[in-house]
C-alpha atoms as a PDB file:
ATOM      1  CA  MET A   1      36.292  57.047  34.392  1.00  0.00           C
ATOM      2  CA  SER A   2      39.533  58.176  36.144  1.00  0.00           C
ATOM      3  CA  MET A   3      39.462  62.293  36.449  1.00  0.00           C
ATOM      4  CA  LYS A   4      42.539  62.003  34.398  1.00  0.00           C
ATOM      5  CA  LYS A   5      41.062  60.000  31.728  1.00  0.00           C
ATOM      6  CA  ASN A   6      37.737  62.242  31.621  1.00  0.00           C
ATOM      7  CA  PHE A   7      39.746  65.490  30.945  1.00  0.00           C
ATOM      8  CA  TYR A   8      41.854  63.709  28.496  1.00  0.00           C
ATOM      9  CA  ASP A   9      38.509  62.858  26.657  1.00  0.00           C
ATOM     10  CA  LEU A  10      36.934  65.971  27.411  1.00  0.00           C
ATOM     11  CA  THR A  11      40.126  67.955  25.890  1.00  0.00           C
ATOM     12  CA  LEU A  12      39.662  66.011  22.698  1.00  0.00           C
ATOM     13  CA  ALA A  13      36.302  66.563  22.081  1.00  0.00           C
ATOM     14  CA  LEU A  14      36.939  70.455  22.798  1.00  0.00           C
ATOM     15  CA  ALA A  15      39.637  70.287  20.220  1.00  0.00           C
ATOM     16  CA  GLY A  16      37.625  68.578  17.756  1.00  0.00           C
ATOM     17  CA  LEU A  17      34.994  71.208  18.141  1.00  0.00           C
ATOM     18  CA  PHE A  18      37.660  74.495  17.908  1.00  0.00           C
ATOM     19  CA  GLN A  19      39.213  72.386  14.951  1.00  0.00           C
ATOM     20  CA  ALA A  20      36.075  72.428  12.934  1.00  0.00           C
ATOM     21  CA  VAL A  21      34.811  76.082  13.381  1.00  0.00           C
ATOM     22  CA  ALA A  22      38.725  77.150  12.946  1.00  0.00           C
ATOM     23  CA  LEU A  23      38.377  75.256   9.443  1.00  0.00           C
ATOM     24  CA  VAL A  24      35.095  77.191   9.058  1.00  0.00           C
ATOM     25  CA  GLU A  25      36.936  80.894   9.724  1.00  0.00           C
ATOM     26  CA  GLN A  26      39.759  79.250   7.317  1.00  0.00           C
ATOM     27  CA  ILE A  27      37.765  78.392   4.705  1.00  0.00           C
ATOM     28  CA  ALA A  28      34.994  81.256   4.480  1.00  0.00           C
ATOM     29  CA  LYS A  29      37.761  84.013   4.430  1.00  0.00           C
ATOM     30  CA  THR A  30      40.628  82.515   2.177  1.00  0.00           C
ATOM     31  CA  GLY A  31      39.083  79.666   0.149  1.00  0.00           C
ATOM     32  CA  GLN A  32      40.881  76.623   1.364  1.00  0.00           C
ATOM     33  CA  GLY A  33      41.870  74.826   4.776  1.00  0.00           C
ATOM     34  CA  THR A  34      44.372  72.487   6.032  1.00  0.00           C
ATOM     35  CA  SER A  35      43.745  69.227   4.747  1.00  0.00           C
ATOM     36  CA  GLU A  36      44.558  67.058   7.489  1.00  0.00           C
ATOM     37  CA  ALA A  37      42.542  69.105   9.980  1.00  0.00           C
ATOM     38  CA  PHE A  38      39.820  69.112   6.971  1.00  0.00           C
ATOM     39  CA  ASN A  39      39.848  65.254   6.530  1.00  0.00           C
ATOM     40  CA  THR A  40      39.798  64.667  10.263  1.00  0.00           C
ATOM     41  CA  SER A  41      36.725  66.657  10.769  1.00  0.00           C
ATOM     42  CA  ILE A  42      35.000  65.146   7.818  1.00  0.00           C
ATOM     43  CA  ASN A  43      35.734  61.376   9.542  1.00  0.00           C
ATOM     44  CA  SER A  44      34.335  62.308  12.653  1.00  0.00           C
ATOM     45  CA  VAL A  45      30.910  62.745  11.465  1.00  0.00           C
ATOM     46  CA  LEU A  46      31.018  59.653   9.682  1.00  0.00           C
ATOM     47  CA  ASP A  47      32.293  57.205  12.114  1.00  0.00           C
ATOM     48  CA  LEU A  48      29.248  56.299  14.033  1.00  0.00           C
ATOM     49  CA  ASN A  49      30.416  53.376  16.087  1.00  0.00           C
ATOM     50  CA  PRO A  50      33.610  54.162  17.420  1.00  0.00           C
ATOM     51  CA  THR A  51      35.269  52.573  20.210  1.00  0.00           C
ATOM     52  CA  ASN A  52      36.837  55.397  21.809  1.00  0.00           C
ATOM     53  CA  SER A  53      36.984  59.026  21.952  1.00  0.00           C
ATOM     54  CA  LEU A  54      40.446  59.387  20.264  1.00  0.00           C
ATOM     55  CA  GLU A  55      38.925  56.724  17.391  1.00  0.00           C
ATOM     56  CA  ILE A  56      36.408  59.106  16.447  1.00  0.00           C
ATOM     57  CA  TYR A  57      39.531  61.392  15.138  1.00  0.00           C
ATOM     58  CA  GLY A  58      41.327  58.796  13.186  1.00  0.00           C
ATOM     59  CA  GLY A  59      42.879  57.304  16.679  1.00  0.00           C
ATOM     60  CA  ASP A  60      46.028  59.948  16.569  1.00  0.00           C
ATOM     61  CA  VAL A  61      46.093  63.144  18.735  1.00  0.00           C
ATOM     62  CA  ASN A  62      48.071  64.281  15.599  1.00  0.00           C
ATOM     63  CA  ASN A  63      44.986  64.633  13.588  1.00  0.00           C
ATOM     64  CA  LEU A  64      43.509  67.376  16.001  1.00  0.00           C
ATOM     65  CA  ARG A  65      47.132  69.677  15.972  1.00  0.00           C
ATOM     66  CA  MET A  66      45.198  72.827  14.650  1.00  0.00           C
ATOM     67  CA  GLY A  67      42.225  72.461  17.528  1.00  0.00           C
ATOM     68  CA  LEU A  68      44.859  71.756  20.189  1.00  0.00           C
ATOM     69  CA  GLU A  69      47.198  74.906  18.901  1.00  0.00           C
ATOM     70  CA  LEU A  70      43.844  77.089  19.042  1.00  0.00           C
ATOM     71  CA  LEU A  71      43.122  75.910  22.509  1.00  0.00           C
ATOM     72  CA  ASN A  72      46.708  76.869  23.505  1.00  0.00           C
ATOM     73  CA  GLU A  73      46.348  80.243  22.337  1.00  0.00           C
ATOM     74  CA  LEU A  74      42.988  80.316  24.007  1.00  0.00           C
ATOM     75  CA  LEU A  75      43.559  79.142  27.408  1.00  0.00           C
ATOM     76  CA  ILE A  76      47.366  79.603  28.036  1.00  0.00           C
ATOM     77  CA  LYS A  77      48.099  82.620  25.881  1.00  0.00           C
ATOM     78  CA  ASN A  78      44.829  84.288  26.483  1.00  0.00           C
ATOM     79  CA  THR A  79      45.044  85.883  22.705  1.00  0.00           C
ATOM     80  CA  PRO A  80      42.692  88.202  22.004  1.00  0.00           C
ATOM     81  CA  LYS A  81      42.354  87.011  18.038  1.00  0.00           C
ATOM     82  CA  HIS A  82      40.114  84.339  17.129  1.00  0.00           C
ATOM     83  CA  GLN A  83      36.684  86.369  17.983  1.00  0.00           C
ATOM     84  CA  ASP A  84      34.878  84.792  15.166  1.00  0.00           C
ATOM     85  CA  VAL A  85      35.998  81.420  15.878  1.00  0.00           C
ATOM     86  CA  ILE A  86      35.086  81.888  19.493  1.00  0.00           C
ATOM     87  CA  ARG A  87      31.284  83.070  18.347  1.00  0.00           C
ATOM     88  CA  TYR A  88      31.140  80.065  16.184  1.00  0.00           C
ATOM     89  CA  ALA A  89      32.103  77.533  19.193  1.00  0.00           C
ATOM     90  CA  LEU A  90      29.491  79.093  21.176  1.00  0.00           C
ATOM     91  CA  GLY A  91      26.852  79.111  18.559  1.00  0.00           C
ATOM     92  CA  VAL A  92      27.502  75.306  17.908  1.00  0.00           C
ATOM     93  CA  LEU A  93      27.146  74.406  21.722  1.00  0.00           C
ATOM     94  CA  HIS A  94      23.955  76.292  21.930  1.00  0.00           C
ATOM     95  CA  LEU A  95      22.710  74.543  18.749  1.00  0.00           C
ATOM     96  CA  GLN A  96      23.760  71.212  19.786  1.00  0.00           C
ATOM     97  CA  LYS A  97      21.535  71.877  23.244  1.00  0.00           C
ATOM     98  CA  LYS A  98      18.640  72.343  21.075  1.00  0.00           C
ATOM     99  CA  LEU A  99      19.457  69.241  18.926  1.00  0.00           C
ATOM    100  CA  SER A 100      19.437  67.100  22.031  1.00  0.00           C
ATOM    101  CA  ASN A 101      15.724  67.778  22.735  1.00  0.00           C
ATOM    102  CA  ARG A 102      14.795  66.742  19.113  1.00  0.00           C
ATOM    103  CA  LYS A 103      14.983  63.127  19.288  1.00  0.00           C
ATOM    104  CA  ASP A 104      13.022  63.027  15.693  1.00  0.00           C
ATOM    105  CA  MET A 105      15.848  65.497  14.356  1.00  0.00           C
ATOM    106  CA  LEU A 106      18.370  63.233  15.889  1.00  0.00           C
ATOM    107  CA  ASN A 107      17.173  59.984  14.034  1.00  0.00           C
ATOM    108  CA  VAL A 108      17.033  61.871  10.995  1.00  0.00           C
ATOM    109  CA  ILE A 109      20.540  63.196  11.113  1.00  0.00           C
ATOM    110  CA  ALA A 110      21.894  59.704  12.134  1.00  0.00           C
ATOM    111  CA  SER A 111      19.832  58.308   9.065  1.00  0.00           C
ATOM    112  CA  ARG A 112      21.494  60.328   6.464  1.00  0.00           C
ATOM    113  CA  ILE A 113      24.892  59.838   8.070  1.00  0.00           C
ATOM    114  CA  GLU A 114      24.635  56.430   7.374  1.00  0.00           C
ATOM    115  CA  GLN A 115      23.448  57.063   3.739  1.00  0.00           C
ATOM    116  CA  ALA A 116      26.505  59.350   3.649  1.00  0.00           C
ATOM    117  CA  ASN A 117      28.544  56.946   4.542  1.00  0.00           C
ATOM    118  CA  GLN A 118      27.518  54.288   1.971  1.00  0.00           C
ATOM    119  CA  GLN A 119      27.949  57.062  -0.638  1.00  0.00           C
ATOM    120  CA  ALA A 120      31.799  57.627   0.880  1.00  0.00           C
ATOM    121  CA  GLN A 121      32.476  53.619   0.109  1.00  0.00           C
ATOM    122  CA  HIS A 122      31.894  54.482  -3.839  1.00  0.00           C
ATOM    123  CA  PHE A 123      33.943  57.872  -3.695  1.00  0.00           C
ATOM    124  CA  SER A 124      35.743  58.865  -0.599  1.00  0.00           C
ATOM    125  CA  LYS A 125      34.958  60.053   2.803  1.00  0.00           C
ATOM    126  CA  THR A 126      36.125  63.713   1.513  1.00  0.00           C
ATOM    127  CA  HIS A 127      34.711  63.700  -1.935  1.00  0.00           C
ATOM    128  CA  GLU A 128      32.637  66.568  -3.091  1.00  0.00           C
ATOM    129  CA  ASN A 129      29.667  64.792  -3.463  1.00  0.00           C
ATOM    130  CA  VAL A 130      30.033  63.143  -0.076  1.00  0.00           C
ATOM    131  CA  ILE A 131      30.681  66.835   1.353  1.00  0.00           C
ATOM    132  CA  ALA A 132      27.775  67.957  -0.414  1.00  0.00           C
ATOM    133  CA  ASN A 133      25.411  65.292   1.051  1.00  0.00           C
ATOM    134  CA  LEU A 134      26.618  66.240   4.689  1.00  0.00           C
ATOM    135  CA  GLY A 135      26.250  69.736   4.098  1.00  0.00           C
ATOM    136  CA  GLY A 136      22.663  69.060   2.674  1.00  0.00           C
ATOM    137  CA  ILE A 137      21.957  67.481   6.252  1.00  0.00           C
ATOM    138  CA  TYR A 138      23.093  70.439   8.026  1.00  0.00           C
ATOM    139  CA  SER A 139      20.890  72.810   5.847  1.00  0.00           C
ATOM    140  CA  ASP A 140      17.970  70.383   6.407  1.00  0.00           C
ATOM    141  CA  THR A 141      17.866  70.339   9.804  1.00  0.00           C
ATOM    142  CA  LEU A 142      20.139  72.410  12.084  1.00  0.00           C
ATOM    143  CA  SER A 143      19.635  75.118   9.985  1.00  0.00           C
ATOM    144  CA  THR A 144      15.959  75.128  10.407  1.00  0.00           C
ATOM    145  CA  PHE A 145      15.888  76.283  14.192  1.00  0.00           C
ATOM    146  CA  ARG A 146      15.524  79.806  14.782  1.00  0.00           C
ATOM    147  CA  PHE A 147      19.364  80.424  15.890  1.00  0.00           C
ATOM    148  CA  ARG A 148      21.730  80.193  13.151  1.00  0.00           C
ATOM    149  CA  ILE A 149      25.037  80.664  12.898  1.00  0.00           C
ATOM    150  CA  GLN A 150      26.421  83.514  10.789  1.00  0.00           C
ATOM    151  CA  VAL A 151      29.318  82.752   8.824  1.00  0.00           C
ATOM    152  CA  LYS A 152      31.939  86.116   8.504  1.00  0.00           C
ATOM    153  CA  GLY A 153      33.971  85.409   5.448  1.00  0.00           C
ATOM    154  CA  ASP A 154      34.478  86.829   1.708  1.00  0.00           C
ATOM    155  CA  TYR A 155      31.578  86.770  -0.462  1.00  0.00           C
ATOM    156  CA  ASN A 156      33.366  85.737  -3.728  1.00  0.00           C
ATOM    157  CA  TYR A 157      33.718  82.190  -1.455  1.00  0.00           C
ATOM    158  CA  LEU A 158      30.785  81.884   0.504  1.00  0.00           C
ATOM    159  CA  GLN A 159      28.962  82.296  -2.495  1.00  0.00           C
ATOM    160  CA  GLN A 160      30.338  79.094  -4.104  1.00  0.00           C
ATOM    161  CA  PRO A 161      28.483  75.989  -3.602  1.00  0.00           C
ATOM    162  CA  ARG A 162      31.555  73.593  -2.911  1.00  0.00           C
ATOM    163  CA  ILE A 163      32.438  76.231  -0.615  1.00  0.00           C
ATOM    164  CA  ALA A 164      29.338  76.610   1.311  1.00  0.00           C
ATOM    165  CA  ASN A 165      28.900  73.001   1.552  1.00  0.00           C
ATOM    166  CA  GLN A 166      32.409  72.272   3.150  1.00  0.00           C
ATOM    167  CA  ILE A 167      31.233  75.199   5.683  1.00  0.00           C
ATOM    168  CA  ARG A 168      28.154  73.604   6.614  1.00  0.00           C
ATOM    169  CA  ALA A 169      29.879  69.773   6.776  1.00  0.00           C
ATOM    170  CA  LEU A 170      32.260  71.451   9.118  1.00  0.00           C
ATOM    171  CA  LEU A 171      29.361  72.796  11.497  1.00  0.00           C
ATOM    172  CA  LEU A 172      27.880  69.331  11.361  1.00  0.00           C
ATOM    173  CA  ALA A 173      31.419  68.251  12.315  1.00  0.00           C
ATOM    174  CA  ALA A 174      31.376  70.863  15.341  1.00  0.00           C
ATOM    175  CA  VAL A 175      28.201  69.833  16.582  1.00  0.00           C
ATOM    176  CA  ARG A 176      29.069  65.998  16.836  1.00  0.00           C
ATOM    177  CA  SER A 177      32.333  67.095  18.791  1.00  0.00           C
ATOM    178  CA  ALA A 178      29.981  69.236  20.908  1.00  0.00           C
ATOM    179  CA  MET A 179      27.601  66.216  21.304  1.00  0.00           C
ATOM    180  CA  LEU A 180      30.324  64.013  22.666  1.00  0.00           C
ATOM    181  CA  TRP A 181      31.664  66.930  24.937  1.00  0.00           C
ATOM    182  CA  ARG A 182      27.946  66.757  26.478  1.00  0.00           C
ATOM    183  CA  GLN A 183      28.164  63.019  26.764  1.00  0.00           C
ATOM    184  CA  LEU A 184      31.441  63.324  28.570  1.00  0.00           C
ATOM    185  CA  GLY A 185      30.223  65.834  30.977  1.00  0.00           C
ATOM    186  CA  GLY A 186      31.102  68.434  29.597  1.00  0.00           C
ATOM    187  CA  ASN A 187      29.685  72.278  29.875  1.00  0.00           C
ATOM    188  CA  ARG A 188      30.558  75.602  29.852  1.00  0.00           C
ATOM    189  CA  TRP A 189      31.507  76.202  33.718  1.00  0.00           C
ATOM    190  CA  GLN A 190      34.215  74.002  33.248  1.00  0.00           C
ATOM    191  CA  LEU A 191      35.649  76.396  30.728  1.00  0.00           C
ATOM    192  CA  ILE A 192      35.781  78.630  33.655  1.00  0.00           C
ATOM    193  CA  PHE A 193      36.356  77.241  36.896  1.00  0.00           C
ATOM    194  CA  GLN A 194      38.389  74.124  35.087  1.00  0.00           C
ATOM    195  CA  ARG A 195      40.299  75.809  32.677  1.00  0.00           C
ATOM    196  CA  LYS A 196      43.715  75.216  34.396  1.00  0.00           C
ATOM    197  CA  LYS A 197      42.973  71.374  34.196  1.00  0.00           C
ATOM    198  CA  ILE A 198      42.038  71.406  30.302  1.00  0.00           C
ATOM    199  CA  ALA A 199      44.742  73.526  29.551  1.00  0.00           C
ATOM    200  CA  GLU A 200      47.498  71.458  30.721  1.00  0.00           C
ATOM    201  CA  CYS A 201      45.682  68.371  28.813  1.00  0.00           C
ATOM    202  CA  VAL A 202      46.281  70.871  25.717  1.00  0.00           C
ATOM    203  CA  LYS A 203      49.907  71.255  26.785  1.00  0.00           C
ATOM    204  CA  GLU A 204      50.723  67.265  27.225  1.00  0.00           C
ATOM    205  CA  MET A 205      49.319  66.681  24.048  1.00  0.00           C
ATOM    206  CA  LEU A 206      51.137  69.399  21.897  1.00  0.00           C
ATOM    207  CA  GLU A 207      54.118  68.147  23.454  1.00  0.00           C
ATOM    208  CA  GLY A 208      54.020  64.695  21.523  1.00  0.00           C
ATOM    209  CA  LEU A 209      52.920  65.841  18.403  1.00  0.00           C
ATOM    210  CA  THR A 210      55.046  65.481  15.096  1.00  0.00           C
ATOM    211  CA  THR A 211      55.036  68.295  12.210  1.00  0.00           C
ATOM    212  CA  ILE A 212      52.102  68.088   9.590  1.00  0.00           C
ATOM    213  CA  ASP A 213      51.138  70.664   7.070  1.00  0.00           C
ATOM    214  CA  GLY A 214      48.781  71.083   4.069  1.00  0.00           C
ATOM    215  CA  ASN A 215      46.184  72.423   2.015  1.00  0.00           C
ATOM    216  CA  ILE A 216      43.013  71.175   0.642  1.00  0.00           C
END
């Protein structure tokens, strides 16, 4: 794999991770999130046999606009905002590392995601029942670790089962992207010492995007 190709794939995985946790913050605080970004995150969990990194996110870089724009702010503009999103992302990376040592839990997650996939064929990938299923997977596995991600938001939203399921499903999606990031050789040191290369990839990707918007 060439260095350029590797950083391209690493950037996709990082954008997928940050997009999912950005949606967690968005939904926890406002009760809704950008629909295209939400669909992309959920699809990334359900696609168990992608042929390449981009296919995990629907085969279109445009699907990761939200994550890329966030990375652009964090890596290039050095904005002091998004502290909760950064905390969630670091928490997800920590959880994923713990998960990588639990083959039994990985097998359970894979098996249950396959069941959710079958369910999605009868409904749709973002149907409320499928989201509840994915949220349940997160609760029954990753939430059992001593370390847990504490989500901040509006209590009126967080107490709603539908919102809680969406948040857990998105955290599962974030872990999926974190796993891809690790598989590609990603680590925290790259965010420090190779920040410029990742930032350049983010900029190149953003320059080629078309305009999309929407809410769930």
